[in-house]
N, C-alpha and C. Protein backbone atom coordinates (compact mmCIF):
# COMPACT_ATOMS: atom_id res chain seq x y z
N MET A 1 29.79 32.01 -27.72
CA MET A 1 30.45 30.83 -28.24
C MET A 1 29.84 30.48 -29.60
N LYS A 2 30.70 30.19 -30.51
CA LYS A 2 30.28 29.89 -31.87
C LYS A 2 29.90 28.40 -32.00
N ARG A 3 28.79 28.14 -32.63
CA ARG A 3 28.35 26.76 -32.86
C ARG A 3 29.01 26.20 -34.11
N GLN A 4 29.44 24.97 -34.01
CA GLN A 4 29.99 24.29 -35.19
C GLN A 4 28.88 23.56 -35.91
N LYS A 5 28.98 23.57 -37.22
CA LYS A 5 28.03 22.81 -38.02
C LYS A 5 28.60 21.43 -38.27
N TYR A 6 27.82 20.44 -38.02
CA TYR A 6 28.23 19.06 -38.30
C TYR A 6 27.45 18.56 -39.50
N GLU A 7 28.18 18.14 -40.48
CA GLU A 7 27.53 17.59 -41.67
C GLU A 7 27.19 16.14 -41.44
N TRP A 8 26.08 15.74 -42.00
CA TRP A 8 25.66 14.36 -41.90
C TRP A 8 26.65 13.49 -42.64
N GLU A 9 27.15 12.46 -41.98
CA GLU A 9 28.17 11.61 -42.57
C GLU A 9 27.58 10.43 -43.34
N GLY A 10 26.29 10.33 -43.37
CA GLY A 10 25.64 9.24 -44.07
C GLY A 10 25.69 9.44 -45.58
N VAL A 11 25.23 8.45 -46.27
CA VAL A 11 25.22 8.47 -47.73
C VAL A 11 23.78 8.61 -48.19
N SER A 12 23.55 9.51 -49.12
CA SER A 12 22.20 9.69 -49.63
C SER A 12 21.77 8.45 -50.42
N VAL A 13 20.49 8.31 -50.57
CA VAL A 13 19.94 7.17 -51.31
C VAL A 13 20.43 7.20 -52.75
N VAL A 14 20.50 8.37 -53.33
CA VAL A 14 20.95 8.49 -54.72
C VAL A 14 22.42 8.08 -54.82
N GLU A 15 23.23 8.53 -53.88
CA GLU A 15 24.65 8.18 -53.91
C GLU A 15 24.85 6.68 -53.68
N ALA A 16 24.06 6.10 -52.80
CA ALA A 16 24.15 4.66 -52.54
C ALA A 16 23.76 3.87 -53.78
N ALA A 17 22.74 4.31 -54.48
CA ALA A 17 22.30 3.62 -55.70
C ALA A 17 23.38 3.73 -56.77
N ARG A 18 24.00 4.89 -56.88
CA ARG A 18 25.06 5.09 -57.88
C ARG A 18 26.27 4.22 -57.56
N ARG A 19 26.63 4.13 -56.28
CA ARG A 19 27.74 3.26 -55.89
C ARG A 19 27.44 1.80 -56.23
N CYS A 20 26.21 1.39 -56.01
CA CYS A 20 25.80 0.03 -56.34
C CYS A 20 25.91 -0.21 -57.84
N GLU A 21 25.46 0.73 -58.63
CA GLU A 21 25.53 0.62 -60.09
C GLU A 21 26.99 0.54 -60.56
N VAL A 22 27.83 1.35 -59.99
CA VAL A 22 29.25 1.35 -60.36
C VAL A 22 29.89 0.01 -59.99
N GLN A 23 29.55 -0.50 -58.82
CA GLN A 23 30.09 -1.79 -58.40
C GLN A 23 29.69 -2.90 -59.37
N ARG A 24 28.43 -2.87 -59.81
CA ARG A 24 27.96 -3.87 -60.78
C ARG A 24 28.70 -3.73 -62.10
N GLU A 25 28.94 -2.50 -62.54
CA GLU A 25 29.67 -2.28 -63.79
C GLU A 25 31.09 -2.82 -63.69
N ILE A 26 31.72 -2.62 -62.57
CA ILE A 26 33.08 -3.13 -62.36
C ILE A 26 33.07 -4.66 -62.38
N GLU A 27 32.12 -5.26 -61.70
CA GLU A 27 32.03 -6.73 -61.67
C GLU A 27 31.76 -7.29 -63.06
N ASN A 28 30.89 -6.63 -63.82
CA ASN A 28 30.61 -7.06 -65.20
C ASN A 28 31.86 -6.99 -66.06
N TYR A 29 32.60 -5.91 -65.91
CA TYR A 29 33.83 -5.74 -66.68
C TYR A 29 34.83 -6.84 -66.34
N LEU A 30 35.00 -7.12 -65.06
CA LEU A 30 35.95 -8.15 -64.64
C LEU A 30 35.52 -9.54 -65.12
N GLN A 31 34.21 -9.79 -65.12
CA GLN A 31 33.72 -11.07 -65.63
C GLN A 31 34.00 -11.18 -67.13
N ALA A 32 33.77 -10.11 -67.86
CA ALA A 32 34.05 -10.11 -69.31
C ALA A 32 35.54 -10.29 -69.56
N LEU A 33 36.35 -9.64 -68.75
CA LEU A 33 37.80 -9.73 -68.89
C LEU A 33 38.28 -11.17 -68.70
N SER A 34 37.73 -11.86 -67.71
CA SER A 34 38.16 -13.24 -67.45
C SER A 34 37.62 -14.23 -68.48
N SER A 35 36.47 -13.92 -69.08
CA SER A 35 35.87 -14.86 -70.04
C SER A 35 36.28 -14.58 -71.48
N TYR A 36 36.92 -13.43 -71.73
CA TYR A 36 37.27 -13.07 -73.10
C TYR A 36 38.24 -14.03 -73.78
N PRO A 37 39.29 -14.51 -73.11
CA PRO A 37 40.22 -15.42 -73.81
C PRO A 37 39.53 -16.65 -74.42
N GLU A 38 38.59 -17.21 -73.69
CA GLU A 38 37.86 -18.38 -74.22
C GLU A 38 37.01 -17.97 -75.42
N ARG A 39 36.36 -16.82 -75.32
CA ARG A 39 35.54 -16.34 -76.44
C ARG A 39 36.41 -16.05 -77.65
N PHE A 40 37.56 -15.42 -77.44
CA PHE A 40 38.47 -15.08 -78.51
C PHE A 40 39.02 -16.34 -79.18
N ALA A 41 39.28 -17.38 -78.39
CA ALA A 41 39.78 -18.65 -78.95
C ALA A 41 38.77 -19.24 -79.93
N GLY A 42 37.50 -19.07 -79.63
CA GLY A 42 36.45 -19.59 -80.52
C GLY A 42 36.12 -18.67 -81.66
N ASP A 43 36.35 -17.37 -81.48
CA ASP A 43 36.02 -16.38 -82.51
C ASP A 43 37.05 -15.24 -82.46
N PRO A 44 38.19 -15.40 -83.15
CA PRO A 44 39.26 -14.41 -83.09
C PRO A 44 38.88 -13.04 -83.65
N CYS A 45 37.78 -12.93 -84.33
CA CYS A 45 37.37 -11.65 -84.89
C CYS A 45 36.62 -10.77 -83.89
N VAL A 46 36.22 -11.33 -82.77
CA VAL A 46 35.45 -10.55 -81.80
C VAL A 46 36.40 -9.71 -80.94
N SER A 47 36.07 -8.43 -80.83
CA SER A 47 36.89 -7.54 -79.99
C SER A 47 36.42 -7.67 -78.53
N PHE A 48 37.24 -7.18 -77.63
CA PHE A 48 36.83 -7.21 -76.22
C PHE A 48 35.58 -6.36 -76.02
N GLU A 49 35.53 -5.23 -76.69
CA GLU A 49 34.37 -4.35 -76.57
C GLU A 49 33.09 -5.06 -77.01
N GLN A 50 33.17 -5.78 -78.14
CA GLN A 50 32.01 -6.53 -78.61
C GLN A 50 31.62 -7.60 -77.61
N HIS A 51 32.61 -8.27 -77.05
CA HIS A 51 32.35 -9.32 -76.06
C HIS A 51 31.67 -8.72 -74.82
N LEU A 52 32.20 -7.63 -74.32
CA LEU A 52 31.64 -6.98 -73.13
C LEU A 52 30.19 -6.56 -73.39
N PHE A 53 29.95 -5.89 -74.51
CA PHE A 53 28.60 -5.42 -74.81
C PHE A 53 27.63 -6.57 -75.05
N SER A 54 28.12 -7.65 -75.64
CA SER A 54 27.22 -8.79 -75.86
C SER A 54 26.86 -9.44 -74.53
N MET A 55 27.79 -9.48 -73.60
CA MET A 55 27.49 -10.01 -72.27
C MET A 55 26.47 -9.13 -71.55
N MET A 56 26.66 -7.83 -71.65
CA MET A 56 25.73 -6.91 -71.00
C MET A 56 24.34 -7.02 -71.62
N ALA A 57 24.28 -7.14 -72.93
CA ALA A 57 23.00 -7.25 -73.62
C ALA A 57 22.30 -8.56 -73.28
N ALA A 58 23.08 -9.60 -73.06
CA ALA A 58 22.50 -10.90 -72.73
C ALA A 58 22.10 -10.98 -71.26
N GLY A 59 22.44 -9.96 -70.49
CA GLY A 59 22.04 -9.96 -69.08
C GLY A 59 22.92 -10.79 -68.19
N HIS A 60 24.18 -10.93 -68.53
CA HIS A 60 25.10 -11.72 -67.71
C HIS A 60 25.69 -10.88 -66.59
N ALA A 61 24.86 -10.11 -65.93
CA ALA A 61 25.36 -9.27 -64.84
C ALA A 61 25.73 -10.14 -63.66
N VAL A 62 26.81 -9.79 -63.03
CA VAL A 62 27.27 -10.53 -61.85
C VAL A 62 26.39 -10.13 -60.69
N ARG A 63 25.79 -11.10 -60.07
CA ARG A 63 24.94 -10.82 -58.92
C ARG A 63 25.46 -11.52 -57.66
N ASN A 64 25.98 -12.73 -57.81
CA ASN A 64 26.50 -13.51 -56.69
C ASN A 64 25.50 -13.63 -55.55
N GLY A 65 24.22 -13.58 -55.87
CA GLY A 65 23.20 -13.76 -54.87
C GLY A 65 23.12 -12.65 -53.82
N ARG A 66 23.65 -11.48 -54.12
CA ARG A 66 23.60 -10.39 -53.15
C ARG A 66 23.21 -9.11 -53.85
N ASN A 67 22.79 -8.17 -53.07
CA ASN A 67 22.54 -6.86 -53.62
C ASN A 67 23.39 -5.85 -52.85
N CYS A 68 23.37 -4.63 -53.26
CA CYS A 68 24.25 -3.63 -52.66
C CYS A 68 23.83 -3.24 -51.26
N ALA A 69 22.63 -3.50 -50.91
CA ALA A 69 22.16 -3.11 -49.58
C ALA A 69 22.72 -4.02 -48.49
N SER A 70 23.17 -5.19 -48.87
CA SER A 70 23.66 -6.10 -47.84
C SER A 70 25.11 -5.91 -47.54
């Protein structure tokens, strides 16, 4: 009788960390997207890209009091 190999269905630590990082990037982008109209109203010369990067540089990462492990 032939044995079947079962692959571990869990997620590696590296993959879990990458998923967490990607989730944070998505949340940061969505936060920048929602706040851009107000920023643009005050400074029409600022591009969305400049707004997004300035938010990231200022550390306005979305945390919502949770981390990816929870």
